[in-house]
């Protein structure tokens, strides 16, 4: 997990905002694209709540994804990987500590237009509605963000 923490620190450092393309060989040209290509697939795999995964690993990976998915490059990478499915599973998990970060990540992913319909079709709406019943205001605020982004799917069609 130290690699993930260093990656997030690198992303937050403003002097690395612009990175020149990799010697003309193609590939990522900005730090966001590089981070998305390198970390998003790994983090999505780590957030799948298998019984043998330690809860602390799930929490840290979902928190990192919550930060990274603010980037459109990371959202596109998650869409390509089908990453919303592991976040939906984690948000339905019994460990309430994972709920906030998984909802935040889902809300960030739903801001990416190509993911709105797949999120709706895979059960995001019943999930988000279930969080309105919780007394935790932070969970409710993330549920409102997710619902707001999902509602844009209905407005577009």
C-alpha atoms as a PDB file:
ATOM      1  CA  UNK A   1       0.000   0.000   0.000  1.00  0.00           C
ATOM      2  CA  UNK A   2       3.026   2.293   0.303  1.00  0.00           C
ATOM      3  CA  UNK A   3       3.168   2.473  -3.499  1.00  0.00           C
ATOM      4  CA  UNK A   4      -0.420   3.721  -3.568  1.00  0.00           C
ATOM      5  CA  UNK A   5       0.284   6.346  -0.915  1.00  0.00           C
ATOM      6  CA  UNK A   6       3.372   7.583  -2.798  1.00  0.00           C
ATOM      7  CA  UNK A   7       1.367   7.676  -6.015  1.00  0.00           C
ATOM      8  CA  UNK A   8      -1.309   9.816  -4.387  1.00  0.00           C
ATOM      9  CA  UNK A   9       1.333  12.171  -2.985  1.00  0.00           C
ATOM     10  CA  UNK A  10       2.847  12.483  -6.462  1.00  0.00           C
ATOM     11  CA  UNK A  11      -0.579  13.321  -7.875  1.00  0.00           C
ATOM     12  CA  UNK A  12      -1.143  15.999  -5.262  1.00  0.00           C
ATOM     13  CA  UNK A  13       2.217  17.688  -5.947  1.00  0.00           C
ATOM     14  CA  UNK A  14       1.395  20.584  -8.268  1.00  0.00           C
ATOM     15  CA  UNK A  15       4.836  20.690  -9.889  1.00  0.00           C
ATOM     16  CA  UNK A  16       4.081  17.348 -11.599  1.00  0.00           C
ATOM     17  CA  UNK A  17       0.841  18.473 -13.219  1.00  0.00           C
ATOM     18  CA  UNK A  18       2.274  18.469 -16.720  1.00  0.00           C
ATOM     19  CA  UNK A  19       4.451  15.594 -17.879  1.00  0.00           C
ATOM     20  CA  UNK A  20       5.865  15.402 -21.377  1.00  0.00           C
ATOM     21  CA  UNK A  21       4.868  12.338 -23.406  1.00  0.00           C
ATOM     22  CA  UNK A  22       7.094   9.300 -23.165  1.00  0.00           C
ATOM     23  CA  UNK A  23       9.781  10.159 -25.723  1.00  0.00           C
ATOM     24  CA  UNK A  24       7.321  10.096 -28.615  1.00  0.00           C
ATOM     25  CA  UNK A  25       6.586   6.390 -28.105  1.00  0.00           C
ATOM     26  CA  UNK A  26       2.938   7.020 -27.342  1.00  0.00           C
ATOM     27  CA  UNK A  27       1.129   6.273 -24.152  1.00  0.00           C
ATOM     28  CA  UNK A  28       0.273   8.575 -21.315  1.00  0.00           C
ATOM     29  CA  UNK A  29       1.157  12.222 -21.642  1.00  0.00           C
ATOM     30  CA  UNK A  30      -0.020  13.617 -18.310  1.00  0.00           C
ATOM     31  CA  UNK A  31       0.453  12.513 -14.747  1.00  0.00           C
ATOM     32  CA  UNK A  32      -3.286  11.761 -14.479  1.00  0.00           C
ATOM     33  CA  UNK A  33      -3.145   9.417 -17.464  1.00  0.00           C
ATOM     34  CA  UNK A  34      -0.038   7.684 -16.122  1.00  0.00           C
ATOM     35  CA  UNK A  35      -1.573   7.219 -12.686  1.00  0.00           C
ATOM     36  CA  UNK A  36      -4.791   5.913 -14.194  1.00  0.00           C
ATOM     37  CA  UNK A  37      -2.979   3.391 -16.382  1.00  0.00           C
ATOM     38  CA  UNK A  38      -0.792   2.146 -13.546  1.00  0.00           C
ATOM     39  CA  UNK A  39      -2.971   2.151 -10.472  1.00  0.00           C
ATOM     40  CA  UNK A  40      -6.664   2.041 -11.318  1.00  0.00           C
ATOM     41  CA  UNK A  41      -6.745  -1.587 -12.576  1.00  0.00           C
ATOM     42  CA  UNK A  42      -4.798  -2.769  -9.521  1.00  0.00           C
ATOM     43  CA  UNK A  43      -6.963  -0.827  -7.074  1.00  0.00           C
ATOM     44  CA  UNK A  44     -10.163  -2.043  -8.695  1.00  0.00           C
ATOM     45  CA  UNK A  45      -8.984  -5.607  -8.251  1.00  0.00           C
ATOM     46  CA  UNK A  46      -8.030  -4.947  -4.617  1.00  0.00           C
ATOM     47  CA  UNK A  47     -11.447  -3.481  -3.779  1.00  0.00           C
ATOM     48  CA  UNK A  48     -13.341  -6.628  -4.711  1.00  0.00           C
ATOM     49  CA  UNK A  49     -14.552  -7.753  -1.275  1.00  0.00           C
ATOM     50  CA  UNK A  50     -13.495 -11.391  -1.279  1.00  0.00           C
ATOM     51  CA  UNK A  51     -13.787 -13.055   2.159  1.00  0.00           C
ATOM     52  CA  UNK A  52     -10.010 -13.520   2.437  1.00  0.00           C
ATOM     53  CA  UNK A  53      -9.202  -9.849   1.821  1.00  0.00           C
ATOM     54  CA  UNK A  54      -8.318  -7.936   4.940  1.00  0.00           C
ATOM     55  CA  UNK A  55     -10.770  -5.119   5.686  1.00  0.00           C
ATOM     56  CA  UNK A  56      -7.888  -2.643   6.049  1.00  0.00           C
ATOM     57  CA  UNK A  57      -6.769  -3.384   2.477  1.00  0.00           C
ATOM     58  CA  UNK A  58     -10.304  -2.810   1.180  1.00  0.00           C
ATOM     59  CA  UNK A  59     -10.527   0.475   3.059  1.00  0.00           C
ATOM     60  CA  UNK A  60      -7.206   1.835   1.831  1.00  0.00           C
ATOM     61  CA  UNK A  61      -7.782   0.772  -1.765  1.00  0.00           C
ATOM     62  CA  UNK A  62     -11.282   2.268  -1.852  1.00  0.00           C
ATOM     63  CA  UNK A  63      -9.989   5.501  -0.299  1.00  0.00           C
ATOM     64  CA  UNK A  64      -7.265   5.733  -2.933  1.00  0.00           C
ATOM     65  CA  UNK A  65      -9.805   5.085  -5.689  1.00  0.00           C
ATOM     66  CA  UNK A  66     -12.054   7.746  -4.224  1.00  0.00           C
ATOM     67  CA  UNK A  67      -9.244  10.251  -4.739  1.00  0.00           C
ATOM     68  CA  UNK A  68      -8.095   8.990  -8.124  1.00  0.00           C
ATOM     69  CA  UNK A  69     -11.556   8.821  -9.675  1.00  0.00           C
ATOM     70  CA  UNK A  70     -11.846  12.582  -9.467  1.00  0.00           C
ATOM     71  CA  UNK A  71      -9.725  12.465 -12.622  1.00  0.00           C
ATOM     72  CA  UNK A  72     -11.484  11.853 -15.922  1.00  0.00           C
ATOM     73  CA  UNK A  73      -8.580   9.626 -17.009  1.00  0.00           C
ATOM     74  CA  UNK A  74      -9.124   7.384 -13.992  1.00  0.00           C
ATOM     75  CA  UNK A  75     -12.873   7.350 -14.670  1.00  0.00           C
ATOM     76  CA  UNK A  76     -12.227   6.238 -18.248  1.00  0.00           C
ATOM     77  CA  UNK A  77      -9.848   3.530 -17.037  1.00  0.00           C
ATOM     78  CA  UNK A  78     -12.421   2.315 -14.511  1.00  0.00           C
ATOM     79  CA  UNK A  79     -15.044   2.222 -17.261  1.00  0.00           C
ATOM     80  CA  UNK A  80     -12.736   0.145 -19.448  1.00  0.00           C
ATOM     81  CA  UNK A  81     -12.089  -2.261 -16.554  1.00  0.00           C
ATOM     82  CA  UNK A  82     -15.722  -2.566 -15.427  1.00  0.00           C
ATOM     83  CA  UNK A  83     -14.590  -1.167 -12.101  1.00  0.00           C
ATOM     84  CA  UNK A  84     -17.922   0.078 -10.842  1.00  0.00           C
ATOM     85  CA  UNK A  85     -18.936  -3.524 -10.094  1.00  0.00           C
ATOM     86  CA  UNK A  86     -16.362  -4.010  -7.345  1.00  0.00           C
ATOM     87  CA  UNK A  87     -17.332  -0.644  -5.834  1.00  0.00           C
ATOM     88  CA  UNK A  88     -21.011  -1.649  -5.826  1.00  0.00           C
ATOM     89  CA  UNK A  89     -20.109  -4.868  -4.020  1.00  0.00           C
ATOM     90  CA  UNK A  90     -17.993  -2.998  -1.505  1.00  0.00           C
ATOM     91  CA  UNK A  91     -20.784  -0.491  -0.839  1.00  0.00           C
ATOM     92  CA  UNK A  92     -23.081  -3.439  -0.083  1.00  0.00           C
ATOM     93  CA  UNK A  93     -20.527  -5.063   2.250  1.00  0.00           C
ATOM     94  CA  UNK A  94     -21.236  -5.435   5.939  1.00  0.00           C
ATOM     95  CA  UNK A  95     -18.201  -3.354   6.954  1.00  0.00           C
ATOM     96  CA  UNK A  96     -19.677   0.105   7.397  1.00  0.00           C
ATOM     97  CA  UNK A  97     -16.207   1.686   7.314  1.00  0.00           C
ATOM     98  CA  UNK A  98     -16.014   0.971   3.570  1.00  0.00           C
ATOM     99  CA  UNK A  99     -19.348   2.557   2.729  1.00  0.00           C
ATOM    100  CA  UNK A 100     -18.232   6.192   2.591  1.00  0.00           C
ATOM    101  CA  UNK A 101     -15.253   5.683   0.286  1.00  0.00           C
ATOM    102  CA  UNK A 102     -17.074   3.275  -1.989  1.00  0.00           C
ATOM    103  CA  UNK A 103     -20.031   5.665  -2.309  1.00  0.00           C
ATOM    104  CA  UNK A 104     -17.649   8.551  -2.962  1.00  0.00           C
ATOM    105  CA  UNK A 105     -15.900   6.549  -5.663  1.00  0.00           C
ATOM    106  CA  UNK A 106     -19.234   5.573  -7.243  1.00  0.00           C
ATOM    107  CA  UNK A 107     -20.349   9.216  -7.214  1.00  0.00           C
ATOM    108  CA  UNK A 108     -17.102  10.212  -8.937  1.00  0.00           C
ATOM    109  CA  UNK A 109     -17.535   7.446 -11.503  1.00  0.00           C
ATOM    110  CA  UNK A 110     -21.154   8.435 -12.159  1.00  0.00           C
ATOM    111  CA  UNK A 111     -19.934  11.901 -13.086  1.00  0.00           C
ATOM    112  CA  UNK A 112     -18.371  10.232 -16.145  1.00  0.00           C
ATOM    113  CA  UNK A 113     -21.163  10.149 -18.732  1.00  0.00           C
ATOM    114  CA  UNK A 114     -20.390   6.722 -20.305  1.00  0.00           C
ATOM    115  CA  UNK A 115     -20.678   5.062 -16.875  1.00  0.00           C
ATOM    116  CA  UNK A 116     -24.083   6.406 -15.845  1.00  0.00           C
ATOM    117  CA  UNK A 117     -26.219   3.881 -17.684  1.00  0.00           C
ATOM    118  CA  UNK A 118     -24.087   0.857 -16.714  1.00  0.00           C
ATOM    119  CA  UNK A 119     -24.247   1.986 -13.087  1.00  0.00           C
ATOM    120  CA  UNK A 120     -28.027   2.241 -13.267  1.00  0.00           C
ATOM    121  CA  UNK A 121     -28.288  -1.176 -14.924  1.00  0.00           C
ATOM    122  CA  UNK A 122     -26.126  -2.902 -12.320  1.00  0.00           C
ATOM    123  CA  UNK A 123     -28.022  -1.816  -9.215  1.00  0.00           C
ATOM    124  CA  UNK A 124     -26.723   1.598  -8.204  1.00  0.00           C
ATOM    125  CA  UNK A 125     -30.183   3.112  -7.752  1.00  0.00           C
ATOM    126  CA  UNK A 126     -31.473   0.688  -5.078  1.00  0.00           C
ATOM    127  CA  UNK A 127     -28.105   0.973  -3.349  1.00  0.00           C
ATOM    128  CA  UNK A 128     -28.149   4.758  -3.265  1.00  0.00           C
ATOM    129  CA  UNK A 129     -31.728   4.842  -2.020  1.00  0.00           C
ATOM    130  CA  UNK A 130     -30.820   2.488   0.833  1.00  0.00           C
ATOM    131  CA  UNK A 131     -28.247   4.988   2.111  1.00  0.00           C
ATOM    132  CA  UNK A 132     -30.857   7.710   2.556  1.00  0.00           C
ATOM    133  CA  UNK A 133     -32.180   5.731   5.514  1.00  0.00           C
ATOM    134  CA  UNK A 134     -28.856   5.916   7.370  1.00  0.00           C
ATOM    135  CA  UNK A 135     -28.400   8.495  10.081  1.00  0.00           C
ATOM    136  CA  UNK A 136     -24.871   9.336   8.922  1.00  0.00           C
ATOM    137  CA  UNK A 137     -24.903  12.705   7.151  1.00  0.00           C
ATOM    138  CA  UNK A 138     -21.616  11.975   5.347  1.00  0.00           C
ATOM    139  CA  UNK A 139     -23.061   8.810   3.805  1.00  0.00           C
ATOM    140  CA  UNK A 140     -26.198  10.677   2.834  1.00  0.00           C
ATOM    141  CA  UNK A 141     -24.165  13.438   1.153  1.00  0.00           C
ATOM    142  CA  UNK A 142     -22.295  10.898  -0.973  1.00  0.00           C
ATOM    143  CA  UNK A 143     -25.594   9.190  -1.798  1.00  0.00           C
ATOM    144  CA  UNK A 144     -26.994  12.544  -2.948  1.00  0.00           C
ATOM    145  CA  UNK A 145     -23.926  13.112  -5.159  1.00  0.00           C
ATOM    146  CA  UNK A 146     -24.360   9.670  -6.699  1.00  0.00           C
ATOM    147  CA  UNK A 147     -28.090  10.126  -7.209  1.00  0.00           C
ATOM    148  CA  UNK A 148     -27.529  13.539  -8.796  1.00  0.00           C
ATOM    149  CA  UNK A 149     -25.085  12.121 -11.340  1.00  0.00           C
ATOM    150  CA  UNK A 150     -27.321   9.134 -12.076  1.00  0.00           C
ATOM    151  CA  UNK A 151     -30.277  11.455 -12.636  1.00  0.00           C
ATOM    152  CA  UNK A 152     -28.378  13.047 -15.515  1.00  0.00           C
ATOM    153  CA  UNK A 153     -28.695   9.719 -17.338  1.00  0.00           C
ATOM    154  CA  UNK A 154     -32.479  10.113 -17.378  1.00  0.00           C
ATOM    155  CA  UNK A 155     -32.212  13.724 -18.548  1.00  0.00           C
ATOM    156  CA  UNK A 156     -29.967  12.735 -21.463  1.00  0.00           C
ATOM    157  CA  UNK A 157     -32.322  10.110 -22.897  1.00  0.00           C
END
